[in-house]
């Protein structure tokens, strides 16, 4: 399972997604354009000191992301897509997930690109909310969706009884741009 934020705008939300990726061991894909720099202090702050544990990919566009994501599973990419939207689809809690699904989330103000949603009604997923509430915070939806999908797919959750053990590289405090890989070239950002 992998997490993909398409055109995220708010550094704090992406930083929270990065921290979640570190906590669950999932890869995080960011699709440009981003509404912030990978050097943004708010992005670093939200991810805390966990950036060395984040498998972070940055893609110049959706097509480039697809090229990389196709290679991460033998299942067709379109079959793996779970497109989270505040508008339509199937409830998160009624959706079946597979261990190699790709959880896709759009920008905070625009959601997922319309071109990605078109013709993919069966892949759309929403979180139920009350009438009159436009949407939930992106970081909250990413976290809720990720853990729900992992449990639904039967993916073992990280084993932790509530203790904290610092990583071996705790003295190394990388910034997001230190760990990000430009997937098109395989190089660091």
Protein backbone atom coordinates (compact mmCIF):
# COMPACT_ATOMS: atom_id res chain seq x y z
CA UNK A 1 0.00 0.00 0.00
CA UNK A 2 1.22 3.50 -0.82
CA UNK A 3 0.04 7.06 -0.11
CA UNK A 4 -0.09 9.68 -2.86
CA UNK A 5 -0.81 13.39 -2.38
CA UNK A 6 -1.58 15.10 -5.68
CA UNK A 7 -0.85 18.85 -5.71
CA UNK A 8 -0.90 19.32 -1.92
CA UNK A 9 -0.90 22.99 -0.91
CA UNK A 10 -0.43 23.14 2.86
CA UNK A 11 2.96 22.05 4.21
CA UNK A 12 1.61 20.96 7.59
CA UNK A 13 -0.78 18.45 6.00
CA UNK A 14 1.98 16.91 3.88
CA UNK A 15 4.27 16.82 6.91
CA UNK A 16 1.61 14.95 8.86
CA UNK A 17 1.26 12.49 5.97
CA UNK A 18 5.03 12.00 6.02
CA UNK A 19 4.97 11.26 9.73
CA UNK A 20 2.16 8.76 9.11
CA UNK A 21 4.21 7.15 6.32
CA UNK A 22 7.14 6.80 8.73
CA UNK A 23 4.88 5.30 11.41
CA UNK A 24 3.32 2.74 9.06
CA UNK A 25 6.29 2.01 6.81
CA UNK A 26 4.40 3.07 3.67
CA UNK A 27 5.87 5.06 0.78
CA UNK A 28 4.67 8.63 0.33
CA UNK A 29 4.40 10.11 -3.16
CA UNK A 30 4.00 13.86 -3.71
CA UNK A 31 2.88 14.98 -7.17
CA UNK A 32 3.86 18.47 -8.24
CA UNK A 33 3.07 21.25 -8.34
CA UNK A 34 3.32 21.54 -4.58
CA UNK A 35 2.04 24.59 -2.72
CA UNK A 36 5.28 24.75 -0.73
CA UNK A 37 8.97 24.02 -0.91
CA UNK A 38 10.47 20.82 0.48
CA UNK A 39 12.67 23.18 2.50
CA UNK A 40 9.59 24.73 4.18
CA UNK A 41 10.05 24.86 7.96
CA UNK A 42 6.38 23.98 8.55
CA UNK A 43 6.76 20.83 6.47
CA UNK A 44 9.83 19.83 8.44
CA UNK A 45 8.14 20.66 11.73
CA UNK A 46 5.04 18.58 10.99
CA UNK A 47 7.22 15.61 10.03
CA UNK A 48 9.34 16.17 13.14
CA UNK A 49 12.53 14.14 13.24
CA UNK A 50 11.10 11.24 11.26
CA UNK A 51 12.21 12.34 7.79
CA UNK A 52 15.02 9.76 7.75
CA UNK A 53 12.32 7.08 8.06
CA UNK A 54 10.13 8.36 5.21
CA UNK A 55 10.27 6.66 1.82
CA UNK A 56 9.48 9.90 -0.03
CA UNK A 57 9.09 10.26 -3.79
CA UNK A 58 8.46 13.53 -5.60
CA UNK A 59 7.00 13.38 -9.11
CA UNK A 60 6.89 16.24 -11.60
CA UNK A 61 3.35 15.26 -12.70
CA UNK A 62 0.75 12.48 -12.50
CA UNK A 63 2.02 10.70 -15.61
CA UNK A 64 5.53 10.46 -14.16
CA UNK A 65 4.08 9.16 -10.89
CA UNK A 66 2.14 6.50 -12.80
CA UNK A 67 5.32 5.27 -14.50
CA UNK A 68 6.90 4.62 -11.10
CA UNK A 69 3.75 3.28 -9.43
CA UNK A 70 3.06 0.75 -12.18
CA UNK A 71 6.33 -0.93 -11.33
CA UNK A 72 5.46 -1.40 -7.64
CA UNK A 73 2.83 -4.12 -8.23
CA UNK A 74 1.89 -6.75 -10.77
CA UNK A 75 -1.73 -5.59 -10.54
CA UNK A 76 -2.88 -2.94 -13.04
CA UNK A 77 -2.49 0.57 -11.65
CA UNK A 78 -6.08 1.53 -12.43
CA UNK A 79 -7.29 -1.45 -10.35
CA UNK A 80 -5.16 -0.29 -7.41
CA UNK A 81 -6.38 3.32 -7.33
CA UNK A 82 -8.48 4.49 -4.39
CA UNK A 83 -9.41 8.08 -5.17
CA UNK A 84 -10.47 9.98 -2.07
CA UNK A 85 -13.00 12.70 -2.72
CA UNK A 86 -15.49 14.61 -0.62
CA UNK A 87 -17.95 14.21 -3.50
CA UNK A 88 -19.34 10.80 -4.34
CA UNK A 89 -18.13 7.26 -4.46
CA UNK A 90 -18.33 4.56 -1.82
CA UNK A 91 -17.98 5.13 1.91
CA UNK A 92 -14.51 4.45 3.30
CA UNK A 93 -16.13 1.99 5.68
CA UNK A 94 -17.81 0.01 2.88
CA UNK A 95 -14.75 -0.07 0.60
CA UNK A 96 -12.65 -3.19 0.19
CA UNK A 97 -8.92 -2.58 0.10
CA UNK A 98 -6.01 -4.72 -1.11
CA UNK A 99 -2.44 -4.72 0.24
CA UNK A 100 -1.08 -3.05 -2.91
CA UNK A 101 -3.69 -0.30 -3.24
CA UNK A 102 -2.66 3.27 -3.93
CA UNK A 103 -4.47 5.77 -1.69
CA UNK A 104 -4.74 9.05 -3.64
CA UNK A 105 -5.67 12.40 -2.13
CA UNK A 106 -6.05 15.77 -3.85
CA UNK A 107 -5.22 19.31 -2.88
CA UNK A 108 -6.85 21.02 0.05
CA UNK A 109 -8.78 23.55 -2.09
CA UNK A 110 -9.40 21.67 -5.35
CA UNK A 111 -9.42 17.98 -4.44
CA UNK A 112 -8.30 15.48 -7.04
CA UNK A 113 -7.99 16.62 -10.64
CA UNK A 114 -11.22 16.12 -12.57
CA UNK A 115 -9.34 14.27 -15.32
CA UNK A 116 -8.25 11.65 -12.78
CA UNK A 117 -11.79 11.22 -11.42
CA UNK A 118 -13.54 10.97 -14.79
CA UNK A 119 -14.58 7.44 -15.65
CA UNK A 120 -13.43 6.09 -12.29
CA UNK A 121 -16.62 6.12 -10.24
CA UNK A 122 -15.86 2.66 -8.81
CA UNK A 123 -12.51 3.82 -7.42
CA UNK A 124 -13.87 6.89 -5.63
CA UNK A 125 -13.97 6.79 -1.84
CA UNK A 126 -15.38 9.30 0.63
CA UNK A 127 -15.46 9.73 4.41
CA UNK A 128 -19.03 10.23 5.66
CA UNK A 129 -19.64 13.68 7.15
CA UNK A 130 -22.73 15.64 8.15
CA UNK A 131 -24.62 17.84 5.71
CA UNK A 132 -23.40 21.43 5.77
CA UNK A 133 -19.75 20.47 6.36
CA UNK A 134 -17.78 20.90 3.15
CA UNK A 135 -14.90 18.55 3.92
CA UNK A 136 -12.45 17.26 6.50
CA UNK A 137 -8.83 18.31 6.93
CA UNK A 138 -6.56 16.48 4.48
CA UNK A 139 -4.16 15.21 7.16
CA UNK A 140 -7.08 13.76 9.14
CA UNK A 141 -8.50 11.97 6.09
CA UNK A 142 -5.10 10.57 5.08
CA UNK A 143 -4.58 9.13 8.57
CA UNK A 144 -8.09 7.72 8.95
CA UNK A 145 -8.08 6.27 5.43
CA UNK A 146 -4.63 4.72 5.76
CA UNK A 147 -5.29 2.83 8.96
CA UNK A 148 -8.77 1.79 7.80
CA UNK A 149 -7.33 0.53 4.49
CA UNK A 150 -4.52 -1.38 6.21
CA UNK A 151 -6.96 -3.15 8.52
CA UNK A 152 -9.42 -3.85 5.68
CA UNK A 153 -6.65 -5.31 3.50
CA UNK A 154 -5.36 -7.51 6.31
CA UNK A 155 -1.98 -5.80 6.34
CA UNK A 156 -0.32 -6.28 9.74
CA UNK A 157 -0.13 -3.06 11.70
CA UNK A 158 3.18 -2.01 13.24
CA UNK A 159 3.90 -3.81 16.49
CA UNK A 160 4.23 -1.31 19.30
CA UNK A 161 2.86 -1.57 22.79
CA UNK A 162 3.16 2.17 23.33
CA UNK A 163 6.86 2.53 23.98
CA UNK A 164 9.27 4.71 22.06
CA UNK A 165 12.62 3.42 20.88
CA UNK A 166 14.70 6.05 19.09
CA UNK A 167 16.01 5.01 15.67
CA UNK A 168 19.68 4.17 15.33
CA UNK A 169 20.24 7.32 13.24
CA UNK A 170 18.61 9.66 15.75
CA UNK A 171 21.55 12.05 15.63
CA UNK A 172 20.96 12.62 11.90
CA UNK A 173 18.19 15.21 11.44
CA UNK A 174 17.50 15.37 7.70
CA UNK A 175 15.12 17.82 6.12
CA UNK A 176 12.43 16.70 3.67
CA UNK A 177 14.51 17.68 0.64
CA UNK A 178 17.39 15.51 1.93
CA UNK A 179 15.33 12.30 1.69
CA UNK A 180 13.07 13.08 -1.29
CA UNK A 181 13.79 11.13 -4.43
CA UNK A 182 12.93 12.49 -7.83
CA UNK A 183 11.34 9.36 -9.19
CA UNK A 184 11.88 10.33 -12.83
CA UNK A 185 15.65 10.27 -12.44
CA UNK A 186 16.05 8.22 -9.28
CA UNK A 187 18.12 11.03 -7.78
CA UNK A 188 17.77 12.90 -4.53
CA UNK A 189 16.01 16.29 -4.77
